[in-house]
Amino acid sequence: MPHDVISTCPVCSGELAVTRLHCRSCGTTLEGDFSVGRFGRLTREQLALLESFLRSRGNLRDMERELGLSYPTVRSRLEALVRALGFGPRADADEPEPEPAVDAATTRATRQEILERLARHEINADEAADAIRALGKDAR
């Protein structure tokens, strides 16, 4: 049974290269230095997020429900995914996308949810910080 290709060295965390390709149909083998491509470098979590994005046709609210995450967390992870794929900031980055209004009670509840998810190791510290920063922007 074939396994997924890993793109990061388990010893030093460097980028792995594919050096041999084989066709099961005709037996042809190619040797060289091949890249796994930008999608091959994504983590399983990033691939799951990308699949959710495609399933939801880019609707972040649908992704929020599907993944059981808050809107700011989905946005934060999506931005990280965009950066991981090698795309820089959007051209309209100085024109912020309108955010849904969030009242103070919801902000407190969502902040608590973020901290709880961090405590359960569902998100890392950077993701938690991004999500909390996003809450601060919503409160303005």
Protein backbone atom coordinates (compact mmCIF):
# COMPACT_ATOMS: atom_id res chain seq x y z
CA MET A 1 0.00 0.00 0.00
CA PRO A 2 1.54 3.36 -1.01
CA HIS A 3 2.17 5.96 1.67
CA ASP A 4 1.99 9.74 1.41
CA VAL A 5 5.30 11.36 0.50
CA ILE A 6 6.85 13.33 3.31
CA SER A 7 8.66 16.52 2.39
CA THR A 8 10.50 17.29 5.64
CA CYS A 9 13.47 15.33 6.94
CA PRO A 10 12.57 13.62 10.24
CA VAL A 11 16.18 14.07 11.44
CA CYS A 12 17.08 17.70 10.65
CA SER A 13 13.75 19.18 9.39
CA GLY A 14 15.37 20.07 6.06
CA GLU A 15 13.44 19.80 2.80
CA LEU A 16 13.51 16.32 1.23
CA ALA A 17 13.89 15.85 -2.54
CA VAL A 18 12.40 13.09 -4.64
CA THR A 19 15.25 11.37 -6.49
CA ARG A 20 13.55 8.44 -8.21
CA LEU A 21 10.24 8.01 -10.01
CA HIS A 22 8.92 4.68 -11.25
CA CYS A 23 6.00 3.82 -13.55
CA ARG A 24 4.19 0.68 -12.36
CA SER A 25 2.57 0.27 -15.76
CA CYS A 26 5.58 0.11 -18.08
CA GLY A 27 8.49 -0.16 -15.65
CA THR A 28 10.16 3.12 -16.68
CA THR A 29 12.31 4.65 -13.95
CA LEU A 30 13.53 8.24 -13.83
CA GLU A 31 16.30 9.38 -11.54
CA GLY A 32 17.16 12.98 -10.77
CA ASP A 33 16.32 15.74 -8.33
CA PHE A 34 12.58 16.44 -8.33
CA SER A 35 10.59 18.79 -6.13
CA VAL A 36 7.45 17.57 -4.37
CA GLY A 37 5.77 20.82 -5.44
CA ARG A 38 4.10 23.44 -3.32
CA PHE A 39 1.17 21.22 -2.30
CA GLY A 40 3.50 18.39 -1.32
CA ARG A 41 5.10 20.62 1.28
CA LEU A 42 1.85 21.21 3.16
CA THR A 43 1.21 19.55 6.52
CA ARG A 44 -1.74 17.18 6.91
CA GLU A 45 -3.57 19.91 8.85
CA GLN A 46 -2.99 22.40 6.03
CA LEU A 47 -4.19 19.87 3.43
CA ALA A 48 -7.34 19.22 5.49
CA LEU A 49 -7.96 22.98 5.62
CA LEU A 50 -7.46 23.27 1.87
CA GLU A 51 -9.89 20.39 1.27
CA SER A 52 -12.45 22.07 3.55
CA PHE A 53 -11.97 25.33 1.65
CA LEU A 54 -12.65 23.57 -1.65
CA ARG A 55 -15.64 21.61 -0.28
CA SER A 56 -17.19 24.82 1.05
CA ARG A 57 -16.41 26.68 -2.20
CA GLY A 58 -14.46 29.24 -0.17
CA ASN A 59 -17.29 30.04 2.26
CA LEU A 60 -15.52 30.65 5.58
CA ARG A 61 -18.75 30.33 7.58
CA ASP A 62 -19.27 26.83 6.15
CA MET A 63 -15.65 25.99 6.99
CA GLU A 64 -16.20 27.31 10.51
CA ARG A 65 -19.10 24.88 10.99
CA GLU A 66 -17.36 21.95 9.28
CA LEU A 67 -14.13 22.30 11.24
CA GLY A 68 -15.69 23.36 14.54
CA LEU A 69 -13.48 26.45 14.67
CA SER A 70 -14.18 30.12 15.24
CA TYR A 71 -14.25 32.52 12.29
CA PRO A 72 -11.00 34.26 13.34
CA THR A 73 -9.25 30.90 13.66
CA VAL A 74 -10.39 29.78 10.20
CA ARG A 75 -9.19 33.09 8.73
CA SER A 76 -5.88 32.90 10.55
CA ARG A 77 -5.24 29.33 9.38
CA LEU A 78 -6.26 30.22 5.85
CA GLU A 79 -3.82 33.15 5.81
CA ALA A 80 -1.07 30.82 7.09
CA LEU A 81 -1.97 28.35 4.33
CA VAL A 82 -1.72 31.07 1.70
CA ARG A 83 1.74 32.01 3.01
CA ALA A 84 2.81 28.33 3.13
CA LEU A 85 1.88 28.03 -0.55
CA GLY A 86 4.26 30.90 -1.29
CA PHE A 87 1.72 33.61 -1.97
CA GLY A 88 2.50 36.93 -0.33
CA PRO A 89 0.02 39.38 1.12
CA ARG A 90 -2.97 40.14 -1.06
CA ALA A 91 -2.72 43.20 -3.30
CA ASP A 92 -5.71 44.71 -1.48
CA ALA A 93 -4.16 44.08 1.97
CA ASP A 94 -4.44 47.79 2.83
CA GLU A 95 -8.18 47.52 2.20
CA PRO A 96 -9.33 45.26 5.05
CA GLU A 97 -12.11 42.82 4.34
CA PRO A 98 -15.23 43.69 6.32
CA GLU A 99 -15.50 41.54 9.43
CA PRO A 100 -18.70 40.53 11.14
CA ALA A 101 -19.50 42.71 14.16
CA VAL A 102 -18.58 41.09 17.48
CA ASP A 103 -19.89 42.38 20.80
CA ALA A 104 -17.77 42.40 23.98
CA ALA A 105 -19.46 39.33 25.52
CA THR A 106 -18.89 37.30 22.35
CA THR A 107 -15.27 38.49 22.23
CA ARG A 108 -14.71 37.30 25.82
CA ALA A 109 -16.37 33.94 25.08
CA THR A 110 -14.38 33.49 21.88
CA ARG A 111 -11.13 34.47 23.60
CA GLN A 112 -11.86 31.85 26.26
CA GLU A 113 -12.55 29.28 23.51
CA ILE A 114 -9.20 30.10 21.89
CA LEU A 115 -7.36 29.69 25.20
CA GLU A 116 -9.14 26.40 25.88
CA ARG A 117 -8.19 25.11 22.42
CA LEU A 118 -4.60 26.15 23.10
CA ALA A 119 -4.69 24.27 26.42
CA ARG A 120 -5.99 21.15 24.62
CA HIS A 121 -3.12 21.52 22.07
CA GLU A 122 -5.59 21.83 19.19
CA ILE A 123 -3.81 25.00 18.09
CA ASN A 124 -0.31 26.28 18.74
CA ALA A 125 0.66 29.53 20.45
CA ASP A 126 1.14 31.43 17.17
CA GLU A 127 -2.33 30.44 15.96
CA ALA A 128 -3.84 31.43 19.32
CA ALA A 129 -2.08 34.80 19.20
CA ASP A 130 -3.28 35.41 15.64
CA ALA A 131 -6.84 34.49 16.56
CA ILE A 132 -6.83 36.76 19.63
CA ARG A 133 -5.37 39.61 17.57
CA ALA A 134 -8.13 39.08 15.03
CA LEU A 135 -10.68 39.38 17.87
CA GLY A 136 -9.17 42.72 18.82
CA LYS A 137 -9.66 43.96 15.24
CA ASP A 138 -13.29 42.81 15.33
CA ALA A 139 -13.94 44.73 18.54
CA ARG A 140 -12.93 48.09 16.99
